[in-house]
Amino acid sequence: MTHEQHAELIKALHDCAAACNYCFDACLQEDDVKMMAPCIRLDRECADICAYLEHAITRNSPFVAELAQVCATICDACAAECSKHDHEHCKKCAEACAKCAEACRNVA
């Protein structure tokens, strides 16, 4: 498949990485940063795998399906963690992660 055929997934990956990066930075500003450590860690993991998969798609990697499966797993974990918090940035991140996980599963 060409990257044009993965346009929906590319957008979901880009949006998810952006939401995770924003959440990561916002979590660092929270009063109890130590409590937010698992969220921060998963934000980083998720943003990184989303960016990597986006690049892999655009260079027509033969491993897109496998990477999409891993990405879905990480997005699900990040969505679950962010859902534990009441912060608006966490809620938006959880939504973006859930949407991205679903788009990844459609490819995997």
PDB file of N, CA and C in Angstrom:
ATOM      1  N   MET A   1       0.841  -1.195   0.000  1.00  0.00           N
ATOM      2  CA  MET A   1       0.000   0.000   0.000  1.00  0.00           C
ATOM      3  C   MET A   1       0.877   1.247   0.000  1.00  0.00           C
ATOM      4  N   THR A   2       0.416   2.248  -0.679  1.00  0.00           N
ATOM      5  CA  THR A   2       1.158   3.502  -0.701  1.00  0.00           C
ATOM      6  C   THR A   2       0.701   4.382   0.446  1.00  0.00           C
ATOM      7  N   HIS A   3       1.498   5.409   0.719  1.00  0.00           N
ATOM      8  CA  HIS A   3       1.123   6.278   1.830  1.00  0.00           C
ATOM      9  C   HIS A   3      -0.169   7.040   1.535  1.00  0.00           C
ATOM     10  N   GLU A   4      -0.526   7.213   0.266  1.00  0.00           N
ATOM     11  CA  GLU A   4      -1.797   7.857  -0.061  1.00  0.00           C
ATOM     12  C   GLU A   4      -2.975   7.000   0.413  1.00  0.00           C
ATOM     13  N   GLN A   5      -2.800   5.669   0.365  1.00  0.00           N
ATOM     14  CA  GLN A   5      -3.855   4.763   0.795  1.00  0.00           C
ATOM     15  C   GLN A   5      -3.978   4.720   2.324  1.00  0.00           C
ATOM     16  N   HIS A   6      -2.986   5.233   2.999  1.00  0.00           N
ATOM     17  CA  HIS A   6      -2.986   5.258   4.457  1.00  0.00           C
ATOM     18  C   HIS A   6      -3.236   6.670   5.002  1.00  0.00           C
ATOM     19  N   ALA A   7      -3.855   7.536   4.210  1.00  0.00           N
ATOM     20  CA  ALA A   7      -4.033   8.933   4.600  1.00  0.00           C
ATOM     21  C   ALA A   7      -4.748   9.093   5.942  1.00  0.00           C
ATOM     22  N   GLU A   8      -5.781   8.294   6.186  1.00  0.00           N
ATOM     23  CA  GLU A   8      -6.525   8.396   7.445  1.00  0.00           C
ATOM     24  C   GLU A   8      -5.637   8.009   8.634  1.00  0.00           C
ATOM     25  N   LEU A   9      -4.864   6.941   8.461  1.00  0.00           N
ATOM     26  CA  LEU A   9      -3.960   6.510   9.523  1.00  0.00           C
ATOM     27  C   LEU A   9      -2.865   7.544   9.758  1.00  0.00           C
ATOM     28  N   ILE A  10      -2.311   8.091   8.706  1.00  0.00           N
ATOM     29  CA  ILE A  10      -1.264   9.109   8.853  1.00  0.00           C
ATOM     30  C   ILE A  10      -1.787  10.296   9.651  1.00  0.00           C
ATOM     31  N   LYS A  11      -3.016  10.726   9.363  1.00  0.00           N
ATOM     32  CA  LYS A  11      -3.602  11.845  10.111  1.00  0.00           C
ATOM     33  C   LYS A  11      -3.801  11.465  11.574  1.00  0.00           C
ATOM     34  N   ALA A  12      -4.305  10.264  11.831  1.00  0.00           N
ATOM     35  CA  ALA A  12      -4.520   9.816  13.215  1.00  0.00           C
ATOM     36  C   ALA A  12      -3.197   9.732  13.960  1.00  0.00           C
ATOM     37  N   LEU A  13      -2.164   9.236  13.303  1.00  0.00           N
ATOM     38  CA  LEU A  13      -0.836   9.145  13.922  1.00  0.00           C
ATOM     39  C   LEU A  13      -0.294  10.535  14.252  1.00  0.00           C
ATOM     40  N   HIS A  14      -0.431  11.440  13.304  1.00  0.00           N
ATOM     41  CA  HIS A  14       0.062  12.810  13.510  1.00  0.00           C
ATOM     42  C   HIS A  14      -0.693  13.492  14.650  1.00  0.00           C
ATOM     43  N   ASP A  15      -2.004  13.360  14.653  1.00  0.00           N
ATOM     44  CA  ASP A  15      -2.821  13.978  15.695  1.00  0.00           C
ATOM     45  C   ASP A  15      -2.517  13.371  17.067  1.00  0.00           C
ATOM     46  N   CYS A  16      -2.308  12.061  17.101  1.00  0.00           N
ATOM     47  CA  CYS A  16      -2.017  11.383  18.360  1.00  0.00           C
ATOM     48  C   CYS A  16      -0.658  11.821  18.908  1.00  0.00           C
ATOM     49  N   ALA A  17       0.339  11.859  18.050  1.00  0.00           N
ATOM     50  CA  ALA A  17       1.674  12.295  18.491  1.00  0.00           C
ATOM     51  C   ALA A  17       1.615  13.717  19.035  1.00  0.00           C
ATOM     52  N   ALA A  18       0.877  14.591  18.363  1.00  0.00           N
ATOM     53  CA  ALA A  18       0.760  15.977  18.823  1.00  0.00           C
ATOM     54  C   ALA A  18       0.054  16.038  20.177  1.00  0.00           C
ATOM     55  N   ALA A  19      -1.023  15.272  20.344  1.00  0.00           N
ATOM     56  CA  ALA A  19      -1.749  15.253  21.618  1.00  0.00           C
ATOM     57  C   ALA A  19      -0.873  14.704  22.733  1.00  0.00           C
ATOM     58  N   CYS A  20      -0.118  13.657  22.437  1.00  0.00           N
ATOM     59  CA  CYS A  20       0.782  13.070  23.440  1.00  0.00           C
ATOM     60  C   CYS A  20       1.889  14.046  23.836  1.00  0.00           C
ATOM     61  N   ASN A  21       2.440  14.735  22.861  1.00  0.00           N
ATOM     62  CA  ASN A  21       3.488  15.714  23.168  1.00  0.00           C
ATOM     63  C   ASN A  21       2.938  16.854  24.019  1.00  0.00           C
ATOM     64  N   TYR A  22       1.726  17.300  23.697  1.00  0.00           N
ATOM     65  CA  TYR A  22       1.107  18.359  24.492  1.00  0.00           C
ATOM     66  C   TYR A  22       0.831  17.867  25.909  1.00  0.00           C
ATOM     67  N   CYS A  23       0.302  16.651  26.028  1.00  0.00           N
ATOM     68  CA  CYS A  23      -0.010  16.082  27.329  1.00  0.00           C
ATOM     69  C   CYS A  23       1.268  15.898  28.154  1.00  0.00           C
ATOM     70  N   PHE A  24       2.294  15.398  27.519  1.00  0.00           N
ATOM     71  CA  PHE A  24       3.605  15.226  28.159  1.00  0.00           C
ATOM     72  C   PHE A  24       4.064  16.535  28.797  1.00  0.00           C
ATOM     73  N   ASP A  25       4.037  17.599  28.004  1.00  0.00           N
ATOM     74  CA  ASP A  25       4.487  18.902  28.492  1.00  0.00           C
ATOM     75  C   ASP A  25       3.565  19.431  29.589  1.00  0.00           C
ATOM     76  N   ALA A  26       2.258  19.282  29.415  1.00  0.00           N
ATOM     77  CA  ALA A  26       1.305  19.755  30.419  1.00  0.00           C
ATOM     78  C   ALA A  26       1.437  18.974  31.722  1.00  0.00           C
ATOM     79  N   CYS A  27       1.689  17.680  31.628  1.00  0.00           N
ATOM     80  CA  CYS A  27       1.878  16.860  32.837  1.00  0.00           C
ATOM     81  C   CYS A  27       3.083  17.342  33.641  1.00  0.00           C
ATOM     82  N   LEU A  28       4.101  17.790  32.957  1.00  0.00           N
ATOM     83  CA  LEU A  28       5.297  18.294  33.639  1.00  0.00           C
ATOM     84  C   LEU A  28       5.018  19.575  34.420  1.00  0.00           C
ATOM     85  N   GLN A  29       3.912  20.236  34.095  1.00  0.00           N
ATOM     86  CA  GLN A  29       3.533  21.473  34.768  1.00  0.00           C
ATOM     87  C   GLN A  29       2.580  21.235  35.945  1.00  0.00           C
ATOM     88  N   GLU A  30       2.103  19.998  36.099  1.00  0.00           N
ATOM     89  CA  GLU A  30       1.164  19.688  37.171  1.00  0.00           C
ATOM     90  C   GLU A  30       1.856  19.759  38.534  1.00  0.00           C
ATOM     91  N   ASP A  31       1.066  20.007  39.581  1.00  0.00           N
ATOM     92  CA  ASP A  31       1.609  20.128  40.938  1.00  0.00           C
ATOM     93  C   ASP A  31       2.301  18.852  41.402  1.00  0.00           C
ATOM     94  N   ASP A  32       1.700  17.713  41.120  1.00  0.00           N
ATOM     95  CA  ASP A  32       2.274  16.439  41.557  1.00  0.00           C
ATOM     96  C   ASP A  32       2.832  15.694  40.339  1.00  0.00           C
ATOM     97  N   VAL A  33       3.985  16.124  39.890  1.00  0.00           N
ATOM     98  CA  VAL A  33       4.604  15.543  38.701  1.00  0.00           C
ATOM     99  C   VAL A  33       4.918  14.065  38.912  1.00  0.00           C
ATOM    100  N   LYS A  34       5.321  13.715  40.122  1.00  0.00           N
ATOM    101  CA  LYS A  34       5.655  12.322  40.404  1.00  0.00           C
ATOM    102  C   LYS A  34       4.451  11.407  40.173  1.00  0.00           C
ATOM    103  N   MET A  35       3.265  11.864  40.547  1.00  0.00           N
ATOM    104  CA  MET A  35       2.054  11.088  40.322  1.00  0.00           C
ATOM    105  C   MET A  35       1.786  10.932  38.815  1.00  0.00           C
ATOM    106  N   MET A  36       2.231  11.891  38.025  1.00  0.00           N
ATOM    107  CA  MET A  36       1.986  11.879  36.587  1.00  0.00           C
ATOM    108  C   MET A  36       3.047  11.097  35.813  1.00  0.00           C
ATOM    109  N   ALA A  37       4.035  10.542  36.499  1.00  0.00           N
ATOM    110  CA  ALA A  37       5.153   9.863  35.835  1.00  0.00           C
ATOM    111  C   ALA A  37       4.712   8.769  34.863  1.00  0.00           C
ATOM    112  N   PRO A  38       3.777   7.894  35.236  1.00  0.00           N
ATOM    113  CA  PRO A  38       3.360   6.875  34.267  1.00  0.00           C
ATOM    114  C   PRO A  38       2.718   7.481  33.015  1.00  0.00           C
ATOM    115  N   CYS A  39       1.971   8.543  33.199  1.00  0.00           N
ATOM    116  CA  CYS A  39       1.341   9.234  32.079  1.00  0.00           C
ATOM    117  C   CYS A  39       2.413   9.860  31.176  1.00  0.00           C
ATOM    118  N   ILE A  40       3.355  10.520  31.790  1.00  0.00           N
ATOM    119  CA  ILE A  40       4.446  11.155  31.043  1.00  0.00           C
ATOM    120  C   ILE A  40       5.212  10.111  30.245  1.00  0.00           C
ATOM    121  N   ARG A  41       5.536   9.001  30.891  1.00  0.00           N
ATOM    122  CA  ARG A  41       6.294   7.940  30.221  1.00  0.00           C
ATOM    123  C   ARG A  41       5.526   7.392  29.015  1.00  0.00           C
ATOM    124  N   LEU A  42       4.238   7.114  29.192  1.00  0.00           N
ATOM    125  CA  LEU A  42       3.451   6.583  28.084  1.00  0.00           C
ATOM    126  C   LEU A  42       3.217   7.626  26.993  1.00  0.00           C
ATOM    127  N   ASP A  43       3.088   8.896  27.378  1.00  0.00           N
ATOM    128  CA  ASP A  43       2.986   9.956  26.356  1.00  0.00           C
ATOM    129  C   ASP A  43       4.203   9.916  25.438  1.00  0.00           C
ATOM    130  N   ARG A  44       5.377   9.763  26.026  1.00  0.00           N
ATOM    131  CA  ARG A  44       6.619   9.725  25.230  1.00  0.00           C
ATOM    132  C   ARG A  44       6.651   8.492  24.333  1.00  0.00           C
ATOM    133  N   GLU A  45       6.341   7.343  24.915  1.00  0.00           N
ATOM    134  CA  GLU A  45       6.339   6.094  24.134  1.00  0.00           C
ATOM    135  C   GLU A  45       5.375   6.197  22.953  1.00  0.00           C
ATOM    136  N   CYS A  46       4.198   6.700  23.240  1.00  0.00           N
ATOM    137  CA  CYS A  46       3.155   6.783  22.222  1.00  0.00           C
ATOM    138  C   CYS A  46       3.524   7.782  21.119  1.00  0.00           C
ATOM    139  N   ALA A  47       3.971   8.953  21.510  1.00  0.00           N
ATOM    140  CA  ALA A  47       4.367   9.953  20.509  1.00  0.00           C
ATOM    141  C   ALA A  47       5.481   9.419  19.614  1.00  0.00           C
ATOM    142  N   ASP A  48       6.432   8.722  20.223  1.00  0.00           N
ATOM    143  CA  ASP A  48       7.561   8.195  19.449  1.00  0.00           C
ATOM    144  C   ASP A  48       7.130   7.119  18.461  1.00  0.00           C
ATOM    145  N   ILE A  49       6.297   6.162  18.891  1.00  0.00           N
ATOM    146  CA  ILE A  49       5.885   5.094  17.971  1.00  0.00           C
ATOM    147  C   ILE A  49       4.968   5.646  16.883  1.00  0.00           C
ATOM    148  N   CYS A  50       4.134   6.621  17.219  1.00  0.00           N
ATOM    149  CA  CYS A  50       3.273   7.223  16.193  1.00  0.00           C
ATOM    150  C   CYS A  50       4.111   7.930  15.130  1.00  0.00           C
ATOM    151  N   ALA A  51       5.109   8.679  15.563  1.00  0.00           N
ATOM    152  CA  ALA A  51       5.975   9.377  14.609  1.00  0.00           C
ATOM    153  C   ALA A  51       6.748   8.369  13.759  1.00  0.00           C
ATOM    154  N   TYR A  52       7.232   7.312  14.397  1.00  0.00           N
ATOM    155  CA  TYR A  52       7.988   6.304  13.658  1.00  0.00           C
ATOM    156  C   TYR A  52       7.101   5.614  12.615  1.00  0.00           C
ATOM    157  N   LEU A  53       5.902   5.226  13.015  1.00  0.00           N
ATOM    158  CA  LEU A  53       5.006   4.563  12.073  1.00  0.00           C
ATOM    159  C   LEU A  53       4.633   5.499  10.925  1.00  0.00           C
ATOM    160  N   GLU A  54       4.410   6.761  11.227  1.00  0.00           N
ATOM    161  CA  GLU A  54       4.107   7.727  10.161  1.00  0.00           C
ATOM    162  C   GLU A  54       5.248   7.772   9.142  1.00  0.00           C
ATOM    163  N   HIS A  55       6.474   7.804   9.630  1.00  0.00           N
ATOM    164  CA  HIS A  55       7.636   7.803   8.730  1.00  0.00           C
ATOM    165  C   HIS A  55       7.722   6.490   7.959  1.00  0.00           C
ATOM    166  N   ALA A  56       7.477   5.380   8.629  1.00  0.00           N
ATOM    167  CA  ALA A  56       7.547   4.073   7.973  1.00  0.00           C
ATOM    168  C   ALA A  56       6.532   3.975   6.834  1.00  0.00           C
ATOM    169  N   ILE A  57       5.350   4.501   7.047  1.00  0.00           N
ATOM    170  CA  ILE A  57       4.320   4.474   6.006  1.00  0.00           C
ATOM    171  C   ILE A  57       4.768   5.297   4.804  1.00  0.00           C
ATOM    172  N   THR A  58       5.279   6.486   5.062  1.00  0.00           N
ATOM    173  CA  THR A  58       5.640   7.372   3.945  1.00  0.00           C
ATOM    174  C   THR A  58       6.852   6.876   3.166  1.00  0.00           C
ATOM    175  N   ARG A  59       7.646   5.975   3.750  1.00  0.00           N
ATOM    176  CA  ARG A  59       8.760   5.397   2.991  1.00  0.00           C
ATOM    177  C   ARG A  59       8.437   3.982   2.513  1.00  0.00           C
ATOM    178  N   ASN A  60       7.160   3.592   2.644  1.00  0.00           N
ATOM    179  CA  ASN A  60       6.656   2.311   2.160  1.00  0.00           C
ATOM    180  C   ASN A  60       7.400   1.117   2.775  1.00  0.00           C
ATOM    181  N   SER A  61       7.560   1.166   4.074  1.00  0.00           N
ATOM    182  CA  SER A  61       8.207   0.074   4.797  1.00  0.00           C
ATOM    183  C   SER A  61       7.411  -1.223   4.649  1.00  0.00           C
ATOM    184  N   PRO A  62       8.108  -2.341   4.536  1.00  0.00           N
ATOM    185  CA  PRO A  62       7.402  -3.617   4.473  1.00  0.00           C
ATOM    186  C   PRO A  62       6.872  -4.070   5.838  1.00  0.00           C
ATOM    187  N   PHE A  63       7.147  -3.309   6.880  1.00  0.00           N
ATOM    188  CA  PHE A  63       6.758  -3.679   8.243  1.00  0.00           C
ATOM    189  C   PHE A  63       5.595  -2.852   8.792  1.00  0.00           C
ATOM    190  N   VAL A  64       4.870  -2.176   7.931  1.00  0.00           N
ATOM    191  CA  VAL A  64       3.787  -1.296   8.379  1.00  0.00           C
ATOM    192  C   VAL A  64       2.757  -2.046   9.222  1.00  0.00           C
ATOM    193  N   ALA A  65       2.326  -3.204   8.789  1.00  0.00           N
ATOM    194  CA  ALA A  65       1.296  -3.941   9.532  1.00  0.00           C
ATOM    195  C   ALA A  65       1.784  -4.324  10.925  1.00  0.00           C
ATOM    196  N   GLU A  66       3.018  -4.799  11.016  1.00  0.00           N
ATOM    197  CA  GLU A  66       3.581  -5.186  12.310  1.00  0.00           C
ATOM    198  C   GLU A  66       3.746  -3.977  13.224  1.00  0.00           C
ATOM    199  N   LEU A  67       4.243  -2.896  12.678  1.00  0.00           N
ATOM    200  CA  LEU A  67       4.420  -1.670  13.462  1.00  0.00           C
ATOM    201  C   LEU A  67       3.073  -1.107  13.899  1.00  0.00           C
ATOM    202  N   ALA A  68       2.070  -1.226  13.039  1.00  0.00           N
ATOM    203  CA  ALA A  68       0.730  -0.739  13.377  1.00  0.00           C
ATOM    204  C   ALA A  68       0.163  -1.515  14.559  1.00  0.00           C
ATOM    205  N   GLN A  69       0.437  -2.806  14.625  1.00  0.00           N
ATOM    206  CA  GLN A  69      -0.041  -3.608  15.753  1.00  0.00           C
ATOM    207  C   GLN A  69       0.615  -3.145  17.050  1.00  0.00           C
ATOM    208  N   VAL A  70       1.916  -2.920  17.023  1.00  0.00           N
ATOM    209  CA  VAL A  70       2.639  -2.432  18.200  1.00  0.00           C
ATOM    210  C   VAL A  70       2.124  -1.047  18.581  1.00  0.00           C
ATOM    211  N   CYS A  71       1.926  -0.208  17.587  1.00  0.00           N
ATOM    212  CA  CYS A  71       1.431   1.147  17.841  1.00  0.00           C
ATOM    213  C   CYS A  71       0.051   1.100  18.498  1.00  0.00           C
ATOM    214  N   ALA A  72      -0.818   0.227  18.032  1.00  0.00           N
ATOM    215  CA  ALA A  72      -2.154   0.106  18.629  1.00  0.00           C
ATOM    216  C   ALA A  72      -2.054  -0.285  20.095  1.00  0.00           C
ATOM    217  N   THR A  73      -1.161  -1.195  20.409  1.00  0.00           N
ATOM    218  CA  THR A  73      -0.976  -1.636  21.794  1.00  0.00           C
ATOM    219  C   THR A  73      -0.511  -0.480  22.677  1.00  0.00           C
ATOM    220  N   ILE A  74       0.441   0.297  22.187  1.00  0.00           N
ATOM    221  CA  ILE A  74       0.964   1.429  22.962  1.00  0.00           C
ATOM    222  C   ILE A  74      -0.089   2.529  23.075  1.00  0.00           C
ATOM    223  N   CYS A  75      -0.808   2.797  21.999  1.00  0.00           N
ATOM    224  CA  CYS A  75      -1.877   3.805  22.045  1.00  0.00           C
ATOM    225  C   CYS A  75      -2.955   3.410  23.045  1.00  0.00           C
ATOM    226  N   ASP A  76      -3.313   2.128  23.070  1.00  0.00           N
ATOM    227  CA  ASP A  76      -4.306   1.653  24.043  1.00  0.00           C
ATOM    228  C   ASP A  76      -3.813   1.869  25.476  1.00  0.00           C
ATOM    229  N   ALA A  77      -2.535   1.570  25.718  1.00  0.00           N
ATOM    230  CA  ALA A  77      -1.967   1.745  27.059  1.00  0.00           C
ATOM    231  C   ALA A  77      -1.960   3.215  27.458  1.00  0.00           C
ATOM    232  N   CYS A  78      -1.609   4.083  26.528  1.00  0.00           N
ATOM    233  CA  CYS A  78      -1.573   5.518  26.820  1.00  0.00           C
ATOM    234  C   CYS A  78      -2.994   6.037  27.060  1.00  0.00           C
ATOM    235  N   ALA A  79      -3.939   5.590  26.258  1.00  0.00           N
ATOM    236  CA  ALA A  79      -5.333   6.011  26.449  1.00  0.00           C
ATOM    237  C   ALA A  79      -5.841   5.572  27.818  1.00  0.00           C
ATOM    238  N   ALA A  80      -5.507   4.358  28.218  1.00  0.00           N
ATOM    239  CA  ALA A  80      -5.945   3.853  29.523  1.00  0.00           C
ATOM    240  C   ALA A  80      -5.344   4.676  30.656  1.00  0.00           C
ATOM    241  N   GLU A  81      -4.075   5.004  30.556  1.00  0.00           N
ATOM    242  CA  GLU A  81      -3.419   5.793  31.605  1.00  0.00           C
ATOM    243  C   GLU A  81      -3.981   7.210  31.647  1.00  0.00           C
ATOM    244  N   CYS A  82      -4.090   7.847  30.498  1.00  0.00           N
ATOM    245  CA  CYS A  82      -4.600   9.222  30.467  1.00  0.00           C
ATOM    246  C   CYS A  82      -6.042   9.294  30.963  1.00  0.00           C
ATOM    247  N   SER A  83      -6.806   8.240  30.733  1.00  0.00           N
ATOM    248  CA  SER A  83      -8.200   8.205  31.186  1.00  0.00           C
ATOM    249  C   SER A  83      -8.332   8.203  32.702  1.00  0.00           C
ATOM    250  N   LYS A  84      -7.260   7.884  33.403  1.00  0.00           N
ATOM    251  CA  LYS A  84      -7.276   7.871  34.872  1.00  0.00           C
ATOM    252  C   LYS A  84      -7.227   9.274  35.469  1.00  0.00           C
ATOM    253  N   HIS A  85      -6.908  10.267  34.646  1.00  0.00           N
ATOM    254  CA  HIS A  85      -6.693  11.629  35.145  1.00  0.00           C
ATOM    255  C   HIS A  85      -7.802  12.567  34.676  1.00  0.00           C
ATOM    256  N   ASP A  86      -8.112  13.556  35.496  1.00  0.00           N
ATOM    257  CA  ASP A  86      -9.181  14.501  35.186  1.00  0.00           C
ATOM    258  C   ASP A  86      -8.725  15.718  34.390  1.00  0.00           C
ATOM    259  N   HIS A  87      -7.424  15.841  34.154  1.00  0.00           N
ATOM    260  CA  HIS A  87      -6.909  17.001  33.424  1.00  0.00           C
ATOM    261  C   HIS A  87      -7.438  16.988  31.982  1.00  0.00           C
ATOM    262  N   GLU A  88      -7.761  18.161  31.491  1.00  0.00           N
ATOM    263  CA  GLU A  88      -8.290  18.275  30.130  1.00  0.00           C
ATOM    264  C   GLU A  88      -7.294  17.739  29.106  1.00  0.00           C
ATOM    265  N   HIS A  89      -6.009  18.030  29.305  1.00  0.00           N
ATOM    266  CA  HIS A  89      -5.004  17.561  28.348  1.00  0.00           C
ATOM    267  C   HIS A  89      -4.941  16.035  28.327  1.00  0.00           C
ATOM    268  N   CYS A  90      -5.166  15.394  29.461  1.00  0.00           N
ATOM    269  CA  CYS A  90      -5.180  13.930  29.510  1.00  0.00           C
ATOM    270  C   CYS A  90      -6.417  13.370  28.804  1.00  0.00           C
ATOM    271  N   LYS A  91      -7.556  14.012  28.997  1.00  0.00           N
ATOM    272  CA  LYS A  91      -8.777  13.559  28.335  1.00  0.00           C
ATOM    273  C   LYS A  91      -8.637  13.640  26.812  1.00  0.00           C
ATOM    274  N   LYS A  92      -8.092  14.749  26.324  1.00  0.00           N
ATOM    275  CA  LYS A  92      -7.911  14.915  24.873  1.00  0.00           C
ATOM    276  C   LYS A  92      -6.896  13.913  24.339  1.00  0.00           C
ATOM    277  N   CYS A  93      -5.862  13.668  25.109  1.00  0.00           N
ATOM    278  CA  CYS A  93      -4.851  12.700  24.703  1.00  0.00           C
ATOM    279  C   CYS A  93      -5.463  11.301  24.632  1.00  0.00           C
ATOM    280  N   ALA A  94      -6.245  10.936  25.631  1.00  0.00           N
ATOM    281  CA  ALA A  94      -6.879   9.619  25.636  1.00  0.00           C
ATOM    282  C   ALA A  94      -7.760   9.429  24.407  1.00  0.00           C
ATOM    283  N   GLU A  95      -8.490  10.465  24.024  1.00  0.00           N
ATOM    284  CA  GLU A  95      -9.351  10.395  22.835  1.00  0.00           C
ATOM    285  C   GLU A  95      -8.528  10.188  21.572  1.00  0.00           C
ATOM    286  N   ALA A  96      -7.447  10.962  21.441  1.00  0.00           N
ATOM    287  CA  ALA A  96      -6.592  10.849  20.257  1.00  0.00           C
ATOM    288  C   ALA A  96      -5.933   9.473  20.198  1.00  0.00           C
ATOM    289  N   CYS A  97      -5.516   8.965  21.345  1.00  0.00           N
ATOM    290  CA  CYS A  97      -4.881   7.648  21.398  1.00  0.00           C
ATOM    291  C   CYS A  97      -5.859   6.537  21.017  1.00  0.00           C
ATOM    292  N   ALA A  98      -7.085   6.627  21.513  1.00  0.00           N
ATOM    293  CA  ALA A  98      -8.098   5.608  21.185  1.00  0.00           C
ATOM    294  C   ALA A  98      -8.408   5.618  19.692  1.00  0.00           C
ATOM    295  N   LYS A  99      -8.528   6.794  19.126  1.00  0.00           N
ATOM    296  CA  LYS A  99      -8.805   6.916  17.699  1.00  0.00           C
ATOM    297  C   LYS A  99      -7.640   6.352  16.884  1.00  0.00           C
ATOM    298  N   CYS A 100      -6.435   6.653  17.312  1.00  0.00           N
ATOM    299  CA  CYS A 100      -5.252   6.170  16.594  1.00  0.00           C
ATOM    300  C   CYS A 100      -5.124   4.652  16.713  1.00  0.00           C
ATOM    301  N   ALA A 101      -5.390   4.116  17.890  1.00  0.00           N
ATOM    302  CA  ALA A 101      -5.322   2.661  18.081  1.00  0.00           C
ATOM    303  C   ALA A 101      -6.284   1.952  17.119  1.00  0.00           C
ATOM    304  N   GLU A 102      -7.471   2.486  16.971  1.00  0.00           N
ATOM    305  CA  GLU A 102      -8.448   1.895  16.074  1.00  0.00           C
ATOM    306  C   GLU A 102      -7.975   1.969  14.619  1.00  0.00           C
ATOM    307  N   ALA A 103      -7.422   3.108  14.221  1.00  0.00           N
ATOM    308  CA  ALA A 103      -6.898   3.255  12.860  1.00  0.00           C
ATOM    309  C   ALA A 103      -5.738   2.282  12.627  1.00  0.00           C
ATOM    310  N   CYS A 104      -4.912   2.089  13.632  1.00  0.00           N
ATOM    311  CA  CYS A 104      -3.805   1.143  13.511  1.00  0.00           C
ATOM    312  C   CYS A 104      -4.314  -0.285  13.360  1.00  0.00           C
ATOM    313  N   ARG A 105      -5.324  -0.652  14.135  1.00  0.00           N
ATOM    314  CA  ARG A 105      -5.875  -2.007  14.035  1.00  0.00           C
ATOM    315  C   ARG A 105      -6.486  -2.265  12.665  1.00  0.00           C
ATOM    316  N   ASN A 106      -7.021  -1.235  12.027  1.00  0.00           N
ATOM    317  CA  ASN A 106      -7.579  -1.382  10.693  1.00  0.00           C
ATOM    318  C   ASN A 106      -6.515  -1.717   9.656  1.00  0.00           C
ATOM    319  N   VAL A 107      -5.280  -1.355   9.924  1.00  0.00           N
ATOM    320  CA  VAL A 107      -4.165  -1.639   9.022  1.00  0.00           C
ATOM    321  C   VAL A 107      -3.452  -2.922   9.412  1.00  0.00           C
ATOM    322  N   ALA A 108      -3.353  -3.147  10.711  1.00  0.00           N
ATOM    323  CA  ALA A 108      -2.658  -4.346  11.200  1.00  0.00           C
ATOM    324  C   ALA A 108      -3.507  -5.545  10.914  1.00  0.00           C
TER     325      ALA A 108
END
